[in-house]
Amino acid sequence: MDVDLGDGYRLRNATEADRPALEMVCLKTGDSGKDATAREDDPRLLGLIYAVPYQVFAPEFAFVIDGPDGVVGYVLGVSDTEAYDKWATEEWFPEVARTLDDPGPDKAKWQGSDWARRAIHYPSFTHLEALRPYPAHGHIDLLETVQGRGFGRKALDHLTAAIAASGAKGLHLAVSPTNTGALAFYERVGFRRLTGGDVPRGAVYMVKEL
C-alpha cells in the first residue's frame, strides 16, 4: 500500500525495519509535539511506549510518512483499544521491562527517563465509559519540518478509513492539553473534544464517529 502525498513523500505500511524510525519520530515529538531529546536519557523508551507496540500488535493500522530523507512521521492505531491494552499489559511491557531497572515509586528521585522506566514496569490504562462509543484509538506524529503541508490530514484520513472498514464505530485520540497545535488540527479534520461523563479533569480526548 502506497499513497502519494506529493513532493516526494508517500504514506506506506510500517514494517519491522521501521521501528527505529518510529522511536526517532516519537522522541522528536515527545514533548507535547516538540523535541524531547534533551529531557530523556534513553532515546528509545518513548517509542517503546507510544509507537513501536502499535506496529507489532496491529501492523495493518500502522503507517509511516516516508520522504527523500527517510521517515518523517507516522499514524498508528488499533480497532479495539481494550484488546490492545490487555496485550500490552500482559505481553509487550513485561518483555521490555526485563531490559530495564525499575527506578522505584519515589518521583522525587526520578531523573531523565525514569518516569518511562516506571511506566513500562507498571503500565496503566484508563478505560472510561464515555469512550465506549469510540473503541478504536490512534496516534499521529510528524516532525516539525513537514508539518503544515497536508500530510497529517491525509495520513489520518487513511487510518480512519482503514479502521472504519474493520467495523469499529468510533475513534478516539488522547491529547496533551498543552499541545494546542494538535488540538486545533484534530478539530480541523473532524474530531471533537469529549466532555462530561467520567472523563477526568485535565484529560483531553478527541473523538470521531466512523
C-alpha atoms as a PDB file:
ATOM      1  CA  MET A   1       0.000   0.000   0.000  1.00  0.00           C
ATOM      2  CA  ASP A   2       1.386   3.377  -1.065  1.00  0.00           C
ATOM      3  CA  VAL A   3      -0.386   6.737  -1.017  1.00  0.00           C
ATOM      4  CA  ASP A   4       1.330   9.556  -2.896  1.00  0.00           C
ATOM      5  CA  LEU A   5       1.373  12.629  -0.643  1.00  0.00           C
ATOM      6  CA  GLY A   6       3.197  14.830  -3.137  1.00  0.00           C
ATOM      7  CA  ASP A   7       6.640  16.485  -3.112  1.00  0.00           C
ATOM      8  CA  GLY A   8       8.368  13.098  -2.985  1.00  0.00           C
ATOM      9  CA  TYR A   9       6.547  11.883   0.137  1.00  0.00           C
ATOM     10  CA  ARG A  10       4.377   8.798   0.450  1.00  0.00           C
ATOM     11  CA  LEU A  11       2.329   7.026   3.076  1.00  0.00           C
ATOM     12  CA  ARG A  12       3.065   3.322   3.366  1.00  0.00           C
ATOM     13  CA  ASN A  13       2.640   0.460   5.795  1.00  0.00           C
ATOM     14  CA  ALA A  14       5.187   0.446   8.605  1.00  0.00           C
ATOM     15  CA  THR A  15       7.344  -2.665   8.823  1.00  0.00           C
ATOM     16  CA  GLU A  16       9.594  -4.151  11.483  1.00  0.00           C
ATOM     17  CA  ALA A  17      12.515  -2.381   9.791  1.00  0.00           C
ATOM     18  CA  ASP A  18      10.828   0.966  10.546  1.00  0.00           C
ATOM     19  CA  ARG A  19      10.854   0.517  14.318  1.00  0.00           C
ATOM     20  CA  PRO A  20      13.999   2.655  14.881  1.00  0.00           C
ATOM     21  CA  ALA A  21      12.358   5.398  12.797  1.00  0.00           C
ATOM     22  CA  LEU A  22       9.184   5.151  14.871  1.00  0.00           C
ATOM     23  CA  GLU A  23      11.290   5.598  18.004  1.00  0.00           C
ATOM     24  CA  MET A  24      13.059   8.615  16.481  1.00  0.00           C
ATOM     25  CA  VAL A  25       9.866  10.412  15.444  1.00  0.00           C
ATOM     26  CA  CYS A  26       8.265   9.676  18.815  1.00  0.00           C
ATOM     27  CA  LEU A  27      11.264  11.183  20.617  1.00  0.00           C
ATOM     28  CA  LYS A  28      11.438  14.229  18.340  1.00  0.00           C
ATOM     29  CA  THR A  29       7.751  14.984  19.008  1.00  0.00           C
ATOM     30  CA  GLY A  30       7.534  13.642  22.556  1.00  0.00           C
ATOM     31  CA  ASP A  31       7.330  16.910  24.472  1.00  0.00           C
ATOM     32  CA  SER A  32       3.784  17.996  23.558  1.00  0.00           C
ATOM     33  CA  GLY A  33       4.774  17.980  19.895  1.00  0.00           C
ATOM     34  CA  LYS A  34       8.277  19.339  20.476  1.00  0.00           C
ATOM     35  CA  ASP A  35      11.625  17.567  20.640  1.00  0.00           C
ATOM     36  CA  ALA A  36      12.052  15.632  23.906  1.00  0.00           C
ATOM     37  CA  THR A  37      15.677  14.620  23.265  1.00  0.00           C
ATOM     38  CA  ALA A  38      17.115  16.906  25.956  1.00  0.00           C
ATOM     39  CA  ARG A  39      14.666  15.584  28.543  1.00  0.00           C
ATOM     40  CA  GLU A  40      15.239  11.857  28.046  1.00  0.00           C
ATOM     41  CA  ASP A  41      18.396   9.880  28.853  1.00  0.00           C
ATOM     42  CA  ASP A  42      17.190   6.811  26.928  1.00  0.00           C
ATOM     43  CA  PRO A  43      16.083   7.832  23.426  1.00  0.00           C
ATOM     44  CA  ARG A  44      14.215   4.581  22.757  1.00  0.00           C
ATOM     45  CA  LEU A  45      11.724   4.485  25.601  1.00  0.00           C
ATOM     46  CA  LEU A  46       9.134   6.962  24.330  1.00  0.00           C
ATOM     47  CA  GLY A  47       8.860   4.960  21.133  1.00  0.00           C
ATOM     48  CA  LEU A  48       8.681   1.668  23.009  1.00  0.00           C
ATOM     49  CA  ILE A  49       5.681   3.037  24.921  1.00  0.00           C
ATOM     50  CA  TYR A  50       3.796   5.070  22.339  1.00  0.00           C
ATOM     51  CA  ALA A  51       4.782   3.891  18.853  1.00  0.00           C
ATOM     52  CA  VAL A  52       6.511   0.557  18.286  1.00  0.00           C
ATOM     53  CA  PRO A  53       3.938  -1.658  20.053  1.00  0.00           C
ATOM     54  CA  TYR A  54       1.261  -0.485  17.621  1.00  0.00           C
ATOM     55  CA  GLN A  55       3.273  -1.740  14.667  1.00  0.00           C
ATOM     56  CA  VAL A  56       3.744  -5.054  16.479  1.00  0.00           C
ATOM     57  CA  PHE A  57       0.112  -5.503  17.552  1.00  0.00           C
ATOM     58  CA  ALA A  58      -1.742  -4.106  14.539  1.00  0.00           C
ATOM     59  CA  PRO A  59       0.576  -3.731  11.531  1.00  0.00           C
ATOM     60  CA  GLU A  60      -2.483  -3.321   9.299  1.00  0.00           C
ATOM     61  CA  PHE A  61      -3.128   0.025  11.002  1.00  0.00           C
ATOM     62  CA  ALA A  62       0.490   1.206  11.204  1.00  0.00           C
ATOM     63  CA  PHE A  63       1.680   3.659   8.550  1.00  0.00           C
ATOM     64  CA  VAL A  64       4.737   5.859   8.089  1.00  0.00           C
ATOM     65  CA  ILE A  65       5.238   9.008   6.052  1.00  0.00           C
ATOM     66  CA  ASP A  66       8.387   8.395   4.018  1.00  0.00           C
ATOM     67  CA  GLY A  67      10.241  11.068   2.091  1.00  0.00           C
ATOM     68  CA  PRO A  68      13.516  11.896   0.393  1.00  0.00           C
ATOM     69  CA  ASP A  69      15.351  11.837   3.727  1.00  0.00           C
ATOM     70  CA  GLY A  70      13.533   8.870   5.247  1.00  0.00           C
ATOM     71  CA  VAL A  71      10.633   8.549   7.677  1.00  0.00           C
ATOM     72  CA  VAL A  72       9.310  11.891   8.920  1.00  0.00           C
ATOM     73  CA  GLY A  73       6.078  10.843  10.621  1.00  0.00           C
ATOM     74  CA  TYR A  74       3.631   8.098  11.418  1.00  0.00           C
ATOM     75  CA  VAL A  75      -0.010   7.385  12.037  1.00  0.00           C
ATOM     76  CA  LEU A  76      -0.804   4.335  14.163  1.00  0.00           C
ATOM     77  CA  GLY A  77      -3.962   2.801  15.536  1.00  0.00           C
ATOM     78  CA  VAL A  78      -5.926  -0.166  16.781  1.00  0.00           C
ATOM     79  CA  SER A  79      -9.567  -1.035  16.217  1.00  0.00           C
ATOM     80  CA  ASP A  80     -10.087  -2.463  19.728  1.00  0.00           C
ATOM     81  CA  THR A  81      -8.462  -0.448  22.497  1.00  0.00           C
ATOM     82  CA  GLU A  82      -9.277  -2.887  25.291  1.00  0.00           C
ATOM     83  CA  ALA A  83      -7.722  -5.788  23.374  1.00  0.00           C
ATOM     84  CA  TYR A  84      -4.603  -3.732  22.722  1.00  0.00           C
ATOM     85  CA  ASP A  85      -4.315  -2.656  26.359  1.00  0.00           C
ATOM     86  CA  LYS A  86      -4.630  -6.265  27.526  1.00  0.00           C
ATOM     87  CA  TRP A  87      -1.915  -7.421  25.127  1.00  0.00           C
ATOM     88  CA  ALA A  88       0.387  -4.545  26.029  1.00  0.00           C
ATOM     89  CA  THR A  89      -0.038  -5.168  29.761  1.00  0.00           C
ATOM     90  CA  GLU A  90       0.409  -8.939  29.600  1.00  0.00           C
ATOM     91  CA  GLU A  91       2.948  -9.317  26.791  1.00  0.00           C
ATOM     92  CA  TRP A  92       4.614  -6.189  25.442  1.00  0.00           C
ATOM     93  CA  PHE A  93       5.567  -4.239  28.540  1.00  0.00           C
ATOM     94  CA  PRO A  94       6.742  -7.217  30.627  1.00  0.00           C
ATOM     95  CA  GLU A  95       9.141  -8.163  27.821  1.00  0.00           C
ATOM     96  CA  VAL A  96      10.521  -4.612  27.565  1.00  0.00           C
ATOM     97  CA  ALA A  97      10.710  -4.299  31.367  1.00  0.00           C
ATOM     98  CA  ARG A  98      13.137  -7.223  31.559  1.00  0.00           C
ATOM     99  CA  THR A  99      15.760  -4.977  29.966  1.00  0.00           C
ATOM    100  CA  LEU A 100      15.232  -2.030  32.336  1.00  0.00           C
ATOM    101  CA  ASP A 101      15.798  -1.311  36.010  1.00  0.00           C
ATOM    102  CA  ASP A 102      12.749  -0.201  37.982  1.00  0.00           C
ATOM    103  CA  PRO A 103      13.545   3.277  39.380  1.00  0.00           C
ATOM    104  CA  GLY A 104      11.050   2.817  42.209  1.00  0.00           C
ATOM    105  CA  PRO A 105       7.910   4.768  43.142  1.00  0.00           C
ATOM    106  CA  ASP A 106       9.539   7.917  44.584  1.00  0.00           C
ATOM    107  CA  LYS A 107       9.101  10.528  41.856  1.00  0.00           C
ATOM    108  CA  ALA A 108      11.388  12.915  43.723  1.00  0.00           C
ATOM    109  CA  LYS A 109      14.286  10.588  42.927  1.00  0.00           C
ATOM    110  CA  TRP A 110      13.464  10.145  39.243  1.00  0.00           C
ATOM    111  CA  GLN A 111      15.839  11.533  36.655  1.00  0.00           C
ATOM    112  CA  GLY A 112      15.838  11.558  32.868  1.00  0.00           C
ATOM    113  CA  SER A 113      13.740   8.692  31.541  1.00  0.00           C
ATOM    114  CA  ASP A 114      12.974   7.168  34.949  1.00  0.00           C
ATOM    115  CA  TRP A 115       9.291   8.117  34.517  1.00  0.00           C
ATOM    116  CA  ALA A 116       9.221   5.982  31.361  1.00  0.00           C
ATOM    117  CA  ARG A 117      11.018   3.067  33.009  1.00  0.00           C
ATOM    118  CA  ARG A 118       8.454   3.129  35.812  1.00  0.00           C
ATOM    119  CA  ALA A 119       5.589   3.290  33.316  1.00  0.00           C
ATOM    120  CA  ILE A 120       6.981   0.264  31.490  1.00  0.00           C
ATOM    121  CA  HIS A 121       7.326  -1.725  34.706  1.00  0.00           C
ATOM    122  CA  TYR A 122       3.850  -0.717  35.876  1.00  0.00           C
ATOM    123  CA  PRO A 123       1.718   0.036  32.811  1.00  0.00           C
ATOM    124  CA  SER A 124      -1.629   1.638  33.468  1.00  0.00           C
ATOM    125  CA  PHE A 125      -4.506   2.169  31.067  1.00  0.00           C
ATOM    126  CA  THR A 126      -7.685   4.161  31.567  1.00  0.00           C
ATOM    127  CA  HIS A 127     -10.976   2.656  30.399  1.00  0.00           C
ATOM    128  CA  LEU A 128     -13.770   5.206  30.509  1.00  0.00           C
ATOM    129  CA  GLU A 129     -17.473   4.633  29.975  1.00  0.00           C
ATOM    130  CA  ALA A 130     -17.509   7.852  27.966  1.00  0.00           C
ATOM    131  CA  LEU A 131     -15.092   6.271  25.458  1.00  0.00           C
ATOM    132  CA  ARG A 132     -17.106   3.091  24.838  1.00  0.00           C
ATOM    133  CA  PRO A 133     -18.726   4.516  21.679  1.00  0.00           C
ATOM    134  CA  TYR A 134     -15.179   5.116  20.379  1.00  0.00           C
ATOM    135  CA  PRO A 135     -13.447   1.735  20.837  1.00  0.00           C
ATOM    136  CA  ALA A 136     -10.633   2.406  18.363  1.00  0.00           C
ATOM    137  CA  HIS A 137      -7.791   4.779  19.056  1.00  0.00           C
ATOM    138  CA  GLY A 138      -4.824   6.213  17.231  1.00  0.00           C
ATOM    139  CA  HIS A 139      -1.647   8.285  17.380  1.00  0.00           C
ATOM    140  CA  ILE A 140      -0.165  10.622  14.799  1.00  0.00           C
ATOM    141  CA  ASP A 141       3.155  12.455  14.971  1.00  0.00           C
ATOM    142  CA  LEU A 142       5.026  14.405  12.302  1.00  0.00           C
ATOM    143  CA  LEU A 143       8.389  16.077  12.532  1.00  0.00           C
ATOM    144  CA  GLU A 144       8.133  19.863  12.605  1.00  0.00           C
ATOM    145  CA  THR A 145       9.888  20.122   9.249  1.00  0.00           C
ATOM    146  CA  VAL A 146       6.912  18.605   7.424  1.00  0.00           C
ATOM    147  CA  GLN A 147       4.009  19.961   9.441  1.00  0.00           C
ATOM    148  CA  GLY A 148       1.509  22.236   7.752  1.00  0.00           C
ATOM    149  CA  ARG A 149       1.772  20.562   4.347  1.00  0.00           C
ATOM    150  CA  GLY A 150      -1.405  18.483   4.488  1.00  0.00           C
ATOM    151  CA  PHE A 151       0.408  15.204   5.136  1.00  0.00           C
ATOM    152  CA  GLY A 152      -1.137  14.759   8.568  1.00  0.00           C
ATOM    153  CA  ARG A 153      -4.685  15.191   7.301  1.00  0.00           C
ATOM    154  CA  LYS A 154      -4.179  12.652   4.502  1.00  0.00           C
ATOM    155  CA  ALA A 155      -2.493  10.175   6.834  1.00  0.00           C
ATOM    156  CA  LEU A 156      -5.183  10.453   9.497  1.00  0.00           C
ATOM    157  CA  ASP A 157      -7.934  10.165   6.878  1.00  0.00           C
ATOM    158  CA  HIS A 158      -6.300   6.963   5.641  1.00  0.00           C
ATOM    159  CA  LEU A 159      -6.095   5.473   9.137  1.00  0.00           C
ATOM    160  CA  THR A 160      -9.682   6.479   9.872  1.00  0.00           C
ATOM    161  CA  ALA A 161     -10.926   4.793   6.709  1.00  0.00           C
ATOM    162  CA  ALA A 162      -8.961   1.624   7.448  1.00  0.00           C
ATOM    163  CA  ILE A 163     -10.292   1.385  10.993  1.00  0.00           C
ATOM    164  CA  ALA A 164     -13.846   2.126   9.854  1.00  0.00           C
ATOM    165  CA  ALA A 165     -13.556  -0.686   7.301  1.00  0.00           C
ATOM    166  CA  SER A 166     -12.689  -3.060  10.159  1.00  0.00           C
ATOM    167  CA  GLY A 167     -16.088  -2.392  11.728  1.00  0.00           C
ATOM    168  CA  ALA A 168     -15.166  -0.012  14.553  1.00  0.00           C
ATOM    169  CA  LYS A 169     -17.851   2.652  15.064  1.00  0.00           C
ATOM    170  CA  GLY A 170     -15.758   5.342  16.695  1.00  0.00           C
ATOM    171  CA  LEU A 171     -12.170   6.525  17.124  1.00  0.00           C
ATOM    172  CA  HIS A 172     -10.526   8.459  19.946  1.00  0.00           C
ATOM    173  CA  LEU A 173      -7.201  10.191  20.392  1.00  0.00           C
ATOM    174  CA  ALA A 174      -5.675  11.085  23.760  1.00  0.00           C
ATOM    175  CA  VAL A 175      -4.032  14.512  23.556  1.00  0.00           C
ATOM    176  CA  SER A 176      -1.843  16.508  25.896  1.00  0.00           C
ATOM    177  CA  PRO A 177      -3.849  19.578  26.969  1.00  0.00           C
ATOM    178  CA  THR A 178      -0.747  21.710  26.358  1.00  0.00           C
ATOM    179  CA  ASN A 179      -0.413  20.587  22.744  1.00  0.00           C
ATOM    180  CA  THR A 180      -2.587  23.345  21.338  1.00  0.00           C
ATOM    181  CA  GLY A 181      -1.409  22.786  17.796  1.00  0.00           C
ATOM    182  CA  ALA A 182      -2.558  19.172  17.835  1.00  0.00           C
ATOM    183  CA  LEU A 183      -5.914  20.075  19.359  1.00  0.00           C
ATOM    184  CA  ALA A 184      -6.562  22.649  16.647  1.00  0.00           C
ATOM    185  CA  PHE A 185      -5.514  20.165  13.955  1.00  0.00           C
ATOM    186  CA  TYR A 186      -7.885  17.454  15.200  1.00  0.00           C
ATOM    187  CA  GLU A 187     -10.767  19.896  15.226  1.00  0.00           C
ATOM    188  CA  ARG A 188      -9.991  20.893  11.635  1.00  0.00           C
ATOM    189  CA  VAL A 189     -10.116  17.263  10.491  1.00  0.00           C
ATOM    190  CA  GLY A 190     -13.463  16.487  12.081  1.00  0.00           C
ATOM    191  CA  PHE A 191     -12.749  15.418  15.645  1.00  0.00           C
ATOM    192  CA  ARG A 192     -14.414  16.985  18.665  1.00  0.00           C
ATOM    193  CA  ARG A 193     -13.429  17.177  22.302  1.00  0.00           C
ATOM    194  CA  LEU A 194     -15.149  14.638  24.538  1.00  0.00           C
ATOM    195  CA  THR A 195     -16.639  16.187  27.658  1.00  0.00           C
ATOM    196  CA  GLY A 196     -18.793  15.052  30.561  1.00  0.00           C
ATOM    197  CA  GLY A 197     -19.325  11.578  31.926  1.00  0.00           C
ATOM    198  CA  ASP A 198     -16.315  10.057  33.625  1.00  0.00           C
ATOM    199  CA  VAL A 199     -13.665  11.979  31.687  1.00  0.00           C
ATOM    200  CA  PRO A 200     -11.123  13.034  34.339  1.00  0.00           C
ATOM    201  CA  ARG A 201     -10.395  16.702  34.938  1.00  0.00           C
ATOM    202  CA  GLY A 202      -7.417  17.720  32.831  1.00  0.00           C
ATOM    203  CA  ALA A 203      -7.641  14.759  30.427  1.00  0.00           C
ATOM    204  CA  VAL A 204      -8.321  15.528  26.785  1.00  0.00           C
ATOM    205  CA  TYR A 205      -9.806  13.049  24.324  1.00  0.00           C
ATOM    206  CA  MET A 206     -10.709  13.943  20.759  1.00  0.00           C
ATOM    207  CA  VAL A 207     -13.351  11.670  19.264  1.00  0.00           C
ATOM    208  CA  LYS A 208     -14.981  10.938  15.925  1.00  0.00           C
ATOM    209  CA  GLU A 209     -17.852   8.709  14.843  1.00  0.00           C
ATOM    210  CA  LEU A 210     -16.944   6.371  11.986  1.00  0.00           C
END
